[in-house]
Amino acid sequence: MTCFVTGGSGFIGANLVQELTARGHQVKALLRPRCDTRALSGLKFERVDGDVTEPSSFKQALAGCEWCFHVAASYHLWLRDYRPMYAANVEGTRNVLDAAGKAGCARIVYTSTVGCIALPRVVNGQLVPSDEATPVSSEQMSNHYKKSKWQAEQIANELVRKGLPIVIVNPTAPVGPRDAKPTPTGQVIVDFLNRRMPAYVDTGLNYVHVRDVAIGHILAAEKGQIGERYILGNAEGNWTLKGAFAVLEDITGVPAPKRQIPYALALLAAHVDEMLSRITHKAPRAPLAGVRMAKYKMFFNPAKAISELCLPQTSPREALAEAVKWFRENGLRET
């Protein structure tokens, strides 16, 4: 297949390019002219210089493509001006999906986020991981990133109703190699390696190997039902942050933090951090949006993707070990 990939220089995008080319597919990757391409090192693909907010920059490149993967997104939990995020995530999504439909792509895979899936519920004192059918509303979109991705999902659903062959995937918290920037989850691992994590909050994520997420995109193109969405996660990956740090300690020998910060104290610190950011114009280390999300354990059930797509289930421990190896080999070492 000839495949068009947006966001190819990002964490998921670069791993998707790797998995597509390994399977013999031809890849055209849409990249902004001055973007960081370290994550694509060693991969063979056709570069398309452009931007999702400028359809004229990529429409011609879509001609002849059978699959389109729209992975590009602006992922920030704090910005001085959120308008560019909405332009990229909302209007950029409309631009790409509409252009792919007009180009005649047989399958269009849109990369959303589990931030658009409902929060886990407590039933009889037990936390029940959410799945694709758990009721959710726009009121649960608690920050600008979530809101922009929620709006983008609505656009994808609108275009499905108009006949476009779109499948939506919702990755959980990917970890592994090629996290060059790094992502917020990867930054936690880097900070752990550099002994900059003196304490932790009582939160949790569904950890999944980024390779499984990339393969999940390909499986969505091959097997996914048009108009459906699939959580790309790991059935054994619902770990607390404390549990993830314990595994990292075992893998690396770096001592895990032993002190838990009360949520109220973390929230107060985030307020102070953001007030300072208004003065310094530098991003806060602990954005309010991130701390507010950390109030909840983001546990999810990927059973649908496992049963319908045959989503691989690499152990989260292996994913963390490969992430550590990649960070160390690429200069993000312990100090």
Protein backbone atom coordinates (compact mmCIF):
# COMPACT_ATOMS: atom_id res chain seq x y z
CA MET A 1 0.00 0.00 0.00
CA THR A 2 0.98 3.61 -0.49
CA CYS A 3 0.41 5.33 2.86
CA PHE A 4 0.16 8.98 3.84
CA VAL A 5 1.18 9.71 7.45
CA THR A 6 0.81 13.03 9.22
CA GLY A 7 2.82 13.62 12.39
CA GLY A 8 5.54 11.25 11.24
CA SER A 9 8.22 12.97 13.33
CA GLY A 10 6.29 12.37 16.55
CA PHE A 11 6.50 9.40 18.90
CA ILE A 12 3.62 7.33 17.55
CA GLY A 13 4.08 8.62 14.01
CA ALA A 14 7.75 7.60 13.77
CA ASN A 15 7.01 4.12 15.10
CA LEU A 16 4.14 3.84 12.61
CA VAL A 17 6.47 4.78 9.75
CA GLN A 18 8.88 2.10 10.98
CA GLU A 19 6.19 -0.60 11.14
CA LEU A 20 4.70 0.32 7.77
CA THR A 21 8.03 0.25 5.96
CA ALA A 22 8.99 -3.00 7.71
CA ARG A 23 5.87 -4.53 6.14
CA GLY A 24 6.81 -3.32 2.67
CA HIS A 25 4.40 -0.39 2.47
CA GLN A 26 5.48 2.87 0.81
CA VAL A 27 5.20 5.90 3.10
CA LYS A 28 4.75 9.58 2.42
CA ALA A 29 5.27 11.48 5.68
CA LEU A 30 3.93 15.01 6.10
CA LEU A 31 6.50 17.00 8.06
CA ARG A 32 6.72 20.66 8.93
CA PRO A 33 9.81 22.22 7.28
CA ARG A 34 11.84 22.76 10.47
CA CYS A 35 10.57 19.90 12.63
CA ASP A 36 12.83 17.66 14.72
CA THR A 37 13.29 14.41 12.75
CA ARG A 38 15.47 12.48 15.23
CA ALA A 39 12.69 9.95 15.79
CA LEU A 40 12.76 9.04 12.08
CA SER A 41 16.49 8.30 12.03
CA GLY A 42 17.33 5.33 9.81
CA LEU A 43 13.88 5.03 8.23
CA LYS A 44 13.13 5.18 4.51
CA PHE A 45 10.15 7.31 3.44
CA GLU A 46 9.18 10.13 1.12
CA ARG A 47 9.18 13.46 2.86
CA VAL A 48 6.33 15.89 2.18
CA ASP A 49 6.94 19.38 3.56
CA GLY A 50 3.71 20.97 4.71
CA ASP A 51 1.31 21.59 7.56
CA VAL A 52 -2.13 20.20 8.41
CA THR A 53 -3.44 23.76 8.68
CA GLU A 54 -2.52 24.39 5.02
CA PRO A 55 -4.34 21.85 2.81
CA SER A 56 -2.65 23.11 -0.34
CA SER A 57 0.68 21.88 1.06
CA PHE A 58 -0.31 18.20 1.04
CA LYS A 59 -3.33 17.61 -1.22
CA GLN A 60 -1.19 16.69 -4.21
CA ALA A 61 0.87 14.23 -2.16
CA LEU A 62 -2.32 12.36 -1.17
CA ALA A 63 -3.00 11.44 -4.78
CA GLY A 64 -2.58 7.71 -5.24
CA CYS A 65 -2.45 6.93 -1.50
CA GLU A 66 -4.60 3.98 -0.43
CA TRP A 67 -4.29 4.50 3.32
CA CYS A 68 -4.11 7.74 5.30
CA PHE A 69 -3.03 7.89 8.94
CA HIS A 70 -3.73 11.23 10.60
CA VAL A 71 -1.47 11.09 13.65
CA ALA A 72 -0.37 14.74 13.88
CA ALA A 73 -1.56 16.72 16.88
CA SER A 74 -0.59 19.64 19.05
CA TYR A 75 -0.21 18.11 22.52
CA HIS A 76 0.35 20.70 25.21
CA LEU A 77 -1.10 20.99 28.70
CA TRP A 78 -0.09 24.66 28.98
CA LEU A 79 0.20 27.38 26.37
CA ARG A 80 0.03 31.15 26.54
CA ASP A 81 -2.26 31.06 23.52
CA TYR A 82 -4.33 27.95 22.76
CA ARG A 83 -5.63 29.12 19.39
CA PRO A 84 -2.84 27.38 17.39
CA MET A 85 -3.68 24.12 19.21
CA TYR A 86 -7.31 24.30 18.12
CA ALA A 87 -6.23 25.24 14.59
CA ALA A 88 -4.01 22.16 14.36
CA ASN A 89 -6.17 19.65 16.21
CA VAL A 90 -9.63 20.68 15.03
CA GLU A 91 -9.37 22.41 11.66
CA GLY A 92 -6.22 20.44 10.81
CA THR A 93 -8.15 17.22 11.33
CA ARG A 94 -10.97 18.40 9.08
CA ASN A 95 -8.42 19.40 6.43
CA VAL A 96 -6.62 16.05 6.42
CA LEU A 97 -9.67 13.77 6.63
CA ASP A 98 -11.55 15.73 3.97
CA ALA A 99 -8.54 15.72 1.63
CA ALA A 100 -7.98 11.99 2.15
CA GLY A 101 -11.61 11.32 1.33
CA LYS A 102 -11.42 13.38 -1.86
CA ALA A 103 -8.18 11.59 -2.81
CA GLY A 104 -10.03 8.27 -2.67
CA CYS A 105 -8.19 6.66 0.25
CA ALA A 106 -9.72 3.25 0.98
CA ARG A 107 -9.08 3.60 4.73
CA ILE A 108 -8.45 6.69 6.86
CA VAL A 109 -7.23 6.10 10.41
CA TYR A 110 -7.61 9.04 12.78
CA THR A 111 -5.49 9.04 15.94
CA SER A 112 -7.52 10.40 18.83
CA THR A 113 -6.75 9.90 22.54
CA VAL A 114 -8.19 8.08 25.54
CA GLY A 115 -8.73 11.59 26.89
CA CYS A 116 -11.90 11.42 24.76
CA ILE A 117 -13.01 8.20 26.50
CA ALA A 118 -14.99 8.42 29.75
CA LEU A 119 -13.16 8.33 33.07
CA PRO A 120 -13.20 5.00 34.94
CA ARG A 121 -16.13 4.46 37.32
CA VAL A 122 -16.14 3.13 40.86
CA VAL A 123 -18.59 0.24 41.22
CA ASN A 124 -19.02 -1.42 44.63
CA GLY A 125 -15.77 0.16 45.76
CA GLN A 126 -13.80 -1.12 42.75
CA LEU A 127 -12.41 0.99 39.92
CA VAL A 128 -13.79 -0.31 36.61
CA PRO A 129 -11.58 0.51 33.59
CA SER A 130 -13.45 2.36 30.85
CA ASP A 131 -14.07 1.01 27.37
CA GLU A 132 -15.31 2.54 24.14
CA ALA A 133 -18.96 2.18 25.22
CA THR A 134 -18.62 3.90 28.61
CA PRO A 135 -20.88 7.00 28.44
CA VAL A 136 -18.98 10.26 28.06
CA SER A 137 -19.89 13.86 27.36
CA SER A 138 -18.13 17.08 26.39
CA GLU A 139 -18.34 18.19 30.05
CA GLN A 140 -15.61 15.63 30.89
CA MET A 141 -13.17 17.36 28.54
CA SER A 142 -11.38 19.22 31.31
CA ASN A 143 -8.56 21.00 29.47
CA HIS A 144 -7.85 22.56 26.09
CA TYR A 145 -6.03 19.51 24.72
CA LYS A 146 -8.94 17.22 25.56
CA LYS A 147 -11.47 19.73 24.25
CA SER A 148 -9.64 20.13 20.95
CA LYS A 149 -9.33 16.36 20.45
CA TRP A 150 -12.99 15.86 21.41
CA GLN A 151 -14.01 18.41 18.77
CA ALA A 152 -11.79 16.63 16.25
CA GLU A 153 -13.49 13.30 17.01
CA GLN A 154 -16.86 14.92 16.34
CA ILE A 155 -15.54 16.05 12.95
CA ALA A 156 -14.37 12.49 12.20
CA ASN A 157 -17.81 11.13 13.09
CA GLU A 158 -19.49 13.81 10.97
CA LEU A 159 -17.37 12.84 7.96
CA VAL A 160 -18.13 9.13 8.53
CA ARG A 161 -21.83 9.98 8.21
CA LYS A 162 -20.99 11.65 4.91
CA GLY A 163 -19.44 8.41 3.66
CA LEU A 164 -15.72 8.69 4.46
CA PRO A 165 -14.02 5.37 5.44
CA ILE A 166 -12.68 6.57 8.80
CA VAL A 167 -11.62 4.39 11.73
CA ILE A 168 -10.73 6.06 15.05
CA VAL A 169 -8.02 4.79 17.39
CA ASN A 170 -7.54 5.99 20.97
CA PRO A 171 -4.05 5.18 22.30
CA THR A 172 -3.52 5.04 26.07
CA ALA A 173 -0.02 5.93 27.41
CA PRO A 174 2.57 4.64 24.94
CA VAL A 175 6.16 4.05 26.01
CA GLY A 176 9.15 2.71 24.13
CA PRO A 177 11.83 3.81 21.62
CA ARG A 178 11.89 6.91 19.36
CA ASP A 179 10.40 9.25 21.99
CA ALA A 180 12.70 12.07 20.91
CA LYS A 181 10.99 15.18 22.30
CA PRO A 182 9.98 13.40 24.70
CA THR A 183 6.24 12.99 25.37
CA PRO A 184 4.90 13.83 28.86
CA THR A 185 4.95 10.12 29.76
CA GLY A 186 8.47 9.81 28.40
CA GLN A 187 9.54 12.92 30.31
CA VAL A 188 8.51 11.20 33.56
CA ILE A 189 10.87 8.33 32.69
CA VAL A 190 13.68 10.76 31.82
CA ASP A 191 13.13 12.64 35.09
CA PHE A 192 13.20 9.32 36.95
CA LEU A 193 16.52 8.40 35.31
CA ASN A 194 17.93 11.80 36.22
CA ARG A 195 16.71 11.46 39.83
CA ARG A 196 14.37 14.43 39.48
CA MET A 197 11.34 12.62 40.89
CA PRO A 198 11.58 13.12 44.67
CA ALA A 199 7.94 12.12 45.20
CA TYR A 200 4.84 10.89 43.37
CA VAL A 201 1.10 11.45 43.31
CA ASP A 202 -1.52 8.73 43.65
CA THR A 203 -2.45 8.35 40.00
CA GLY A 204 -2.26 5.73 37.29
CA LEU A 205 -2.16 5.12 33.54
CA ASN A 206 -2.64 2.31 31.08
CA TYR A 207 0.90 1.69 29.81
CA VAL A 208 1.27 0.20 26.32
CA HIS A 209 4.26 -0.45 24.09
CA VAL A 210 4.41 2.17 21.35
CA ARG A 211 5.15 -0.61 18.84
CA ASP A 212 1.80 -2.22 19.67
CA VAL A 213 0.11 1.16 19.18
CA ALA A 214 1.77 1.56 15.77
CA ILE A 215 0.78 -1.96 14.74
CA GLY A 216 -2.71 -1.21 16.05
CA HIS A 217 -2.97 1.62 13.52
CA ILE A 218 -2.12 -0.78 10.69
CA LEU A 219 -4.58 -3.37 11.99
CA ALA A 220 -7.24 -0.65 12.16
CA ALA A 221 -6.65 0.04 8.45
CA GLU A 222 -6.79 -3.68 7.65
CA LYS A 223 -9.61 -4.84 9.94
CA GLY A 224 -11.22 -1.87 11.67
CA GLN A 225 -14.91 -1.20 11.16
CA ILE A 226 -15.67 2.17 9.58
CA GLY A 227 -17.06 4.60 12.15
CA GLU A 228 -15.83 2.56 15.12
CA ARG A 229 -13.17 3.55 17.63
CA TYR A 230 -10.63 1.28 19.32
CA ILE A 231 -8.69 1.76 22.54
CA LEU A 232 -5.06 0.86 21.80
CA GLY A 233 -3.83 -0.22 25.21
CA ASN A 234 -2.63 -3.19 27.22
CA ALA A 235 -4.95 -5.47 29.20
CA GLU A 236 -2.28 -5.80 31.91
CA GLY A 237 -1.10 -2.20 31.69
CA ASN A 238 -3.30 -0.46 34.27
CA TRP A 239 -0.56 0.54 36.72
CA THR A 240 -0.35 3.17 39.40
CA LEU A 241 2.53 5.61 39.10
CA LYS A 242 4.00 4.09 42.25
CA GLY A 243 3.87 0.66 40.61
CA ALA A 244 5.50 1.94 37.42
CA PHE A 245 8.31 3.51 39.46
CA ALA A 246 8.87 0.20 41.25
CA VAL A 247 9.33 -1.52 37.89
CA LEU A 248 11.67 1.24 36.70
CA GLU A 249 13.73 0.84 39.88
CA ASP A 250 14.02 -2.89 39.18
CA ILE A 251 15.02 -2.28 35.54
CA THR A 252 17.51 0.55 36.14
CA GLY A 253 18.75 0.30 39.71
CA VAL A 254 17.72 3.95 40.22
CA PRO A 255 15.89 4.27 43.56
CA ALA A 256 12.18 4.97 43.21
CA PRO A 257 10.68 7.89 45.16
CA LYS A 258 9.18 6.76 48.48
CA ARG A 259 7.13 9.84 49.39
CA GLN A 260 3.59 10.43 48.16
CA ILE A 261 2.47 14.03 47.66
CA PRO A 262 -1.13 14.78 48.70
CA TYR A 263 -3.24 15.86 45.76
CA ALA A 264 -4.14 19.20 47.40
CA LEU A 265 -0.46 20.06 47.80
CA ALA A 266 0.30 19.12 44.17
CA LEU A 267 -2.61 21.30 43.03
CA LEU A 268 -1.37 24.26 45.09
CA ALA A 269 2.13 23.88 43.67
CA ALA A 270 0.71 23.81 40.13
CA HIS A 271 -1.20 27.05 40.76
CA VAL A 272 2.01 28.72 41.94
CA ASP A 273 3.96 27.26 39.00
CA GLU A 274 1.46 28.63 36.48
CA MET A 275 1.47 32.08 38.11
CA LEU A 276 5.24 32.16 37.72
CA SER A 277 4.86 31.10 34.09
CA ARG A 278 2.82 34.21 33.38
CA ILE A 279 5.85 36.23 34.49
CA THR A 280 8.64 34.13 32.98
CA HIS A 281 6.72 33.05 29.85
CA LYS A 282 8.22 29.59 30.34
CA ALA A 283 6.06 26.46 30.49
CA PRO A 284 5.41 25.24 34.05
CA ARG A 285 6.99 21.93 35.06
CA ALA A 286 3.66 20.84 36.55
CA PRO A 287 0.78 22.36 34.53
CA LEU A 288 -2.58 22.62 36.26
CA ALA A 289 -4.16 20.54 33.50
CA GLY A 290 -1.75 17.69 34.17
CA VAL A 291 -2.24 17.76 37.94
CA ARG A 292 -6.01 17.85 37.52
CA MET A 293 -5.85 14.80 35.26
CA ALA A 294 -3.64 13.07 37.83
CA LYS A 295 -6.56 13.18 40.27
CA TYR A 296 -7.95 10.18 38.38
CA LYS A 297 -6.45 6.82 37.56
CA MET A 298 -6.70 6.65 33.78
CA PHE A 299 -7.39 2.91 33.55
CA PHE A 300 -8.85 1.49 30.33
CA ASN A 301 -10.05 -1.78 28.86
CA PRO A 302 -8.65 -2.52 25.36
CA ALA A 303 -10.63 -5.78 24.92
CA LYS A 304 -12.36 -4.57 21.74
CA ALA A 305 -9.07 -3.87 19.94
CA ILE A 306 -7.64 -7.18 21.17
CA SER A 307 -10.61 -9.23 19.97
CA GLU A 308 -11.47 -7.37 16.74
CA LEU A 309 -8.04 -6.18 15.59
CA CYS A 310 -5.80 -8.80 17.26
CA LEU A 311 -3.88 -5.95 18.92
CA PRO A 312 -0.48 -7.23 20.18
CA GLN A 313 0.07 -7.25 23.94
CA THR A 314 3.75 -6.70 24.65
CA SER A 315 4.35 -6.51 28.39
CA PRO A 316 4.47 -2.97 29.84
CA ARG A 317 7.68 -3.94 31.63
CA GLU A 318 9.33 -4.64 28.27
CA ALA A 319 8.02 -1.31 26.98
CA LEU A 320 9.57 0.55 29.92
CA ALA A 321 12.85 -1.32 29.51
CA GLU A 322 13.05 -0.40 25.80
CA ALA A 323 12.21 3.23 26.60
CA VAL A 324 15.02 3.36 29.18
CA LYS A 325 17.45 1.80 26.71
CA TRP A 326 16.50 4.31 23.98
CA PHE A 327 16.75 7.33 26.28
CA ARG A 328 20.17 6.23 27.55
CA GLU A 329 21.49 5.57 24.04
CA ASN A 330 20.23 8.96 22.82
CA GLY A 331 21.82 11.19 25.40
CA LEU A 332 19.07 11.39 28.04
CA ARG A 333 21.18 9.75 30.70
CA GLU A 334 21.32 9.90 34.46
CA THR A 335 23.29 12.83 35.87
